[in-house]
Amino acid sequence: MRLFVSLLTLPLLFAADLPTGEKVLQISLEKSGGAAAFAKLKSAEMTGTVELAGHNISGPVSLFQAGDKSYTVIDLPGIGKAEEGYDGQIAWEMNALQGPRIKDGEERAAVARASKISLLASWRDIYTSAKTMGTEDVDGKPAWKVVMTPKEGKEEIFFFDQATGLLVRSVQTLTTPLGEIPVEQEMSDYRTVGGVKTPFSMTQKAMSQTMVMHFDKITYNVDIPADRFEAPPAVKALAARRK
């Protein structure tokens, strides 16, 4: 019995050796460029290609961020243009097949979080806690598994490579009109831009679909016209009808 009890306590001993969630995030912030570098980021423009894996469909993608605002547009042959954005108040999406839609509640909160440029530097403004729950391999490399609880919405899981400190995977459950959808995203091909290590490749998996984005150009602190983040007329009209 004494040996059995000792074996049961081994996981607790290993857990005690793990860095706290706050420590993991601090390590990642420092290895990604540091708080001072992140504080200088005011806007971002990313352009590249998006591909629906397994369907031989690809097209251009552009993403813009400034402060807490964001706008993304992709254009895929046979599917058409799809847009989504957040102007600081309204989170929305619009495509040729379904028209405009406004996101509310937890879905809106998830968009607001994703719109921030410096998530690592300002995570305490968005999340109430960060807890290291163990380690897992991501692409064959050990990573810290950190569960983060947002101020609104469901827990999210972030995986940070133990060797580089970089964020390599995130897992979350999004609330949508189709129900709750698990979404997994992997980040790779990190390059230094404006003093900050930035992923140039992102792979997103949801509902048996895989979307891969490869950016060929990422620029920080660019001048972005204010109207870039304005909701399109169809979205504004929908918002007005809901008041």
Protein backbone atom coordinates (compact mmCIF):
# COMPACT_ATOMS: atom_id res chain seq x y z
CA MET A 1 0.00 0.00 0.00
CA ARG A 2 2.83 2.38 0.81
CA LEU A 3 4.34 1.94 -2.68
CA PHE A 4 0.91 2.36 -4.30
CA VAL A 5 0.31 5.65 -2.48
CA SER A 6 3.75 6.87 -3.51
CA LEU A 7 2.99 6.13 -7.15
CA LEU A 8 -0.27 8.05 -6.90
CA THR A 9 1.59 11.13 -5.71
CA LEU A 10 4.05 11.14 -8.63
CA PRO A 11 1.75 13.16 -10.96
CA LEU A 12 1.41 15.76 -8.21
CA LEU A 13 5.18 16.02 -7.90
CA PHE A 14 5.58 16.45 -11.64
CA ALA A 15 2.78 19.04 -11.70
CA ALA A 16 4.57 21.01 -9.00
CA ASP A 17 7.58 21.30 -11.31
CA LEU A 18 5.53 22.85 -14.12
CA PRO A 19 5.69 26.62 -14.55
CA THR A 20 2.46 28.44 -13.71
CA GLY A 21 0.25 29.69 -16.52
CA GLU A 22 1.34 33.25 -15.80
CA LYS A 23 5.00 32.18 -16.00
CA VAL A 24 4.47 30.38 -19.33
CA LEU A 25 2.82 33.47 -20.80
CA GLN A 26 5.65 35.65 -19.53
CA ILE A 27 8.23 33.31 -21.09
CA SER A 28 6.35 33.38 -24.38
CA LEU A 29 6.09 37.18 -24.30
CA GLU A 30 9.83 37.56 -23.70
CA LYS A 31 10.86 35.03 -26.34
CA SER A 32 8.42 36.52 -28.86
CA GLY A 33 10.04 39.95 -28.63
CA GLY A 34 9.28 41.40 -25.22
CA ALA A 35 6.68 43.73 -23.76
CA ALA A 36 8.35 46.86 -25.16
CA ALA A 37 8.21 45.52 -28.73
CA PHE A 38 4.57 44.49 -28.39
CA ALA A 39 3.67 47.89 -26.92
CA LYS A 40 4.81 49.52 -30.16
CA LEU A 41 2.37 47.51 -32.29
CA LYS A 42 -0.52 49.75 -33.27
CA SER A 43 -1.68 48.16 -36.53
CA ALA A 44 -1.01 45.21 -38.79
CA GLU A 45 -1.57 44.28 -42.43
CA MET A 46 -1.20 40.68 -43.62
CA THR A 47 -1.58 39.39 -47.16
CA GLY A 48 -1.19 35.92 -48.58
CA THR A 49 -3.07 32.86 -49.77
CA VAL A 50 -5.75 30.71 -48.18
CA GLU A 51 -6.36 27.12 -49.23
CA LEU A 52 -9.16 24.66 -48.46
CA ALA A 53 -7.13 21.51 -47.99
CA GLY A 54 -8.27 18.52 -50.02
CA HIS A 55 -10.50 20.58 -52.33
CA ASN A 56 -7.89 22.12 -54.64
CA ILE A 57 -9.37 25.55 -53.91
CA SER A 58 -7.22 28.55 -53.02
CA GLY A 59 -7.37 32.31 -53.24
CA PRO A 60 -6.06 35.56 -51.74
CA VAL A 61 -6.50 36.55 -48.10
CA SER A 62 -5.98 39.95 -46.48
CA LEU A 63 -6.17 40.73 -42.78
CA PHE A 64 -6.08 44.16 -41.13
CA GLN A 65 -5.89 45.06 -37.45
CA ALA A 66 -5.68 48.34 -35.56
CA GLY A 67 -6.19 48.67 -31.84
CA ASP A 68 -9.12 46.39 -31.03
CA LYS A 69 -10.53 46.41 -34.58
CA SER A 70 -10.11 43.88 -37.36
CA TYR A 71 -11.16 43.09 -40.92
CA THR A 72 -10.49 39.94 -42.96
CA VAL A 73 -11.41 39.16 -46.54
CA ILE A 74 -10.84 36.04 -48.62
CA ASP A 75 -11.90 35.30 -52.19
CA LEU A 76 -12.17 31.70 -53.32
CA PRO A 77 -13.01 30.55 -56.89
CA GLY A 78 -16.50 29.09 -57.08
CA ILE A 79 -17.33 30.29 -53.58
CA GLY A 80 -16.83 34.04 -53.84
CA LYS A 81 -15.81 36.70 -51.38
CA ALA A 82 -16.17 36.19 -47.64
CA GLU A 83 -15.62 39.02 -45.18
CA GLU A 84 -15.66 39.37 -41.42
CA GLY A 85 -14.84 42.24 -39.13
CA TYR A 86 -15.07 43.95 -35.79
CA ASP A 87 -15.33 47.73 -35.48
CA GLY A 88 -15.00 47.79 -31.72
CA GLN A 89 -18.76 47.34 -31.26
CA ILE A 90 -20.26 45.18 -33.99
CA ALA A 91 -18.84 41.77 -34.90
CA TRP A 92 -20.07 40.63 -38.28
CA GLU A 93 -19.52 38.39 -41.27
CA MET A 94 -20.82 38.41 -44.83
CA ASN A 95 -20.51 36.13 -47.82
CA ALA A 96 -22.15 35.67 -51.21
CA LEU A 97 -24.08 32.56 -50.14
CA GLN A 98 -25.55 33.67 -46.81
CA GLY A 99 -25.43 37.44 -46.88
CA PRO A 100 -24.71 39.55 -43.77
CA ARG A 101 -24.80 38.27 -40.20
CA ILE A 102 -24.11 39.96 -36.86
CA LYS A 103 -22.38 37.98 -34.11
CA ASP A 104 -23.63 38.29 -30.55
CA GLY A 105 -22.81 37.00 -27.09
CA GLU A 106 -19.93 34.57 -26.75
CA GLU A 107 -19.37 34.61 -30.51
CA ARG A 108 -18.89 38.36 -30.48
CA ALA A 109 -16.58 38.11 -27.46
CA ALA A 110 -14.39 35.56 -29.29
CA VAL A 111 -14.07 37.92 -32.26
CA ALA A 112 -13.13 40.80 -29.95
CA ARG A 113 -10.37 38.70 -28.38
CA ALA A 114 -9.03 37.59 -31.75
CA SER A 115 -8.95 41.20 -32.96
CA LYS A 116 -6.25 42.22 -30.50
CA ILE A 117 -2.72 42.49 -31.89
CA SER A 118 -0.90 42.01 -28.59
CA LEU A 119 -2.80 39.21 -26.88
CA LEU A 120 0.29 38.05 -24.95
CA ALA A 121 1.01 41.50 -23.56
CA SER A 122 -2.59 42.27 -22.57
CA TRP A 123 -4.00 38.86 -21.65
CA ARG A 124 -4.99 39.98 -18.14
CA ASP A 125 -7.42 42.46 -19.72
CA ILE A 126 -9.20 39.61 -21.49
CA TYR A 127 -8.83 36.51 -19.30
CA THR A 128 -9.47 35.91 -15.61
CA SER A 129 -6.96 33.07 -15.22
CA ALA A 130 -4.26 31.02 -16.92
CA LYS A 131 -3.45 27.56 -15.56
CA THR A 132 -0.79 25.12 -16.75
CA MET A 133 -2.50 21.73 -17.01
CA GLY A 134 0.46 19.64 -18.15
CA THR A 135 2.42 19.05 -21.32
CA GLU A 136 1.60 17.60 -24.73
CA ASP A 137 3.54 17.07 -27.92
CA VAL A 138 2.73 19.35 -30.83
CA ASP A 139 4.28 18.11 -34.06
CA GLY A 140 6.58 15.88 -32.03
CA LYS A 141 7.83 18.64 -29.74
CA PRO A 142 6.89 19.09 -26.05
CA ALA A 143 4.61 22.01 -25.32
CA TRP A 144 3.08 23.47 -22.17
CA LYS A 145 -0.70 23.17 -22.11
CA VAL A 146 -2.27 26.31 -20.63
CA VAL A 147 -6.02 26.60 -20.03
CA MET A 148 -7.22 30.20 -20.12
CA THR A 149 -10.61 31.39 -18.90
CA PRO A 150 -11.92 34.48 -20.71
CA LYS A 151 -14.07 37.08 -19.00
CA GLU A 152 -16.85 36.03 -21.36
CA GLY A 153 -17.13 32.69 -23.08
CA LYS A 154 -15.71 29.21 -22.75
CA GLU A 155 -12.23 28.14 -21.72
CA GLU A 156 -9.54 28.14 -24.38
CA ILE A 157 -6.43 25.96 -24.48
CA PHE A 158 -3.08 27.29 -25.64
CA PHE A 159 0.03 25.22 -26.32
CA PHE A 160 3.47 26.86 -26.03
CA ASP A 161 6.58 25.14 -27.38
CA GLN A 162 8.88 24.50 -24.43
CA ALA A 163 12.07 25.14 -26.40
CA THR A 164 11.06 28.36 -28.17
CA GLY A 165 8.27 29.64 -25.92
CA LEU A 166 6.16 30.32 -29.01
CA LEU A 167 2.43 29.67 -29.28
CA VAL A 168 2.05 26.69 -31.60
CA ARG A 169 -1.55 25.58 -31.14
CA SER A 170 -4.85 26.84 -29.76
CA VAL A 171 -8.12 24.98 -29.17
CA GLN A 172 -11.47 26.59 -28.50
CA THR A 173 -15.18 25.91 -28.83
CA LEU A 174 -17.08 28.57 -30.74
CA THR A 175 -20.80 29.18 -30.29
CA THR A 176 -22.38 29.64 -33.73
CA PRO A 177 -25.84 29.38 -35.35
CA LEU A 178 -24.85 25.80 -36.24
CA GLY A 179 -24.17 24.98 -32.61
CA GLU A 180 -20.96 24.69 -30.65
CA ILE A 181 -18.03 23.99 -32.96
CA PRO A 182 -14.57 22.89 -31.76
CA VAL A 183 -11.85 24.82 -33.60
CA GLU A 184 -8.16 23.96 -33.58
CA GLN A 185 -5.52 26.29 -34.98
CA GLU A 186 -1.80 25.69 -35.42
CA MET A 187 0.78 28.43 -35.91
CA SER A 188 4.17 27.92 -37.57
CA ASP A 189 6.84 29.49 -39.79
CA TYR A 190 7.65 32.20 -37.25
CA ARG A 191 9.64 35.16 -38.54
CA THR A 192 10.71 38.37 -36.84
CA VAL A 193 8.76 41.43 -37.99
CA GLY A 194 9.13 44.76 -36.22
CA GLY A 195 10.98 43.04 -33.39
CA VAL A 196 8.17 40.54 -32.82
CA LYS A 197 8.18 36.87 -33.80
CA THR A 198 5.12 36.37 -36.00
CA PRO A 199 3.60 33.20 -37.52
CA PHE A 200 3.45 33.29 -41.33
CA SER A 201 1.48 30.05 -41.53
CA MET A 202 -1.80 29.17 -39.78
CA THR A 203 -3.82 25.99 -40.15
CA GLN A 204 -7.39 25.95 -38.87
CA LYS A 205 -9.48 22.79 -38.45
CA ALA A 206 -13.23 22.89 -37.85
CA MET A 207 -16.14 20.63 -38.80
CA SER A 208 -13.90 18.20 -40.76
CA GLN A 209 -12.63 21.12 -42.87
CA THR A 210 -9.03 22.33 -42.92
CA MET A 211 -8.11 25.86 -44.00
CA VAL A 212 -4.46 26.81 -44.42
CA MET A 213 -3.28 30.42 -44.59
CA HIS A 214 0.21 31.27 -45.81
CA PHE A 215 1.16 34.93 -45.52
CA ASP A 216 3.82 36.28 -47.86
CA LYS A 217 3.82 39.78 -46.34
CA ILE A 218 3.15 40.99 -42.81
CA THR A 219 3.74 44.61 -41.87
CA TYR A 220 3.20 46.32 -38.52
CA ASN A 221 2.39 49.97 -37.83
CA VAL A 222 1.08 50.70 -41.30
CA ASP A 223 -1.42 53.45 -42.04
CA ILE A 224 -4.83 51.82 -42.40
CA PRO A 225 -7.78 54.01 -43.45
CA ALA A 226 -10.35 54.25 -40.66
CA ASP A 227 -13.16 53.19 -42.99
CA ARG A 228 -11.43 49.84 -43.52
CA PHE A 229 -13.01 48.69 -40.28
CA GLU A 230 -16.48 50.06 -40.93
CA ALA A 231 -19.22 47.50 -41.29
CA PRO A 232 -20.56 47.36 -44.86
CA PRO A 233 -23.96 48.97 -45.61
CA ALA A 234 -25.77 45.61 -45.55
CA VAL A 235 -24.48 44.92 -42.04
CA LYS A 236 -25.33 48.43 -40.85
CA ALA A 237 -28.85 48.04 -42.22
CA LEU A 238 -29.23 44.72 -40.39
CA ALA A 239 -27.98 46.30 -37.16
CA ALA A 240 -30.44 49.18 -37.55
CA ARG A 241 -33.38 46.78 -37.97
CA ARG A 242 -32.43 45.00 -34.77
CA LYS A 243 -32.60 48.15 -32.64
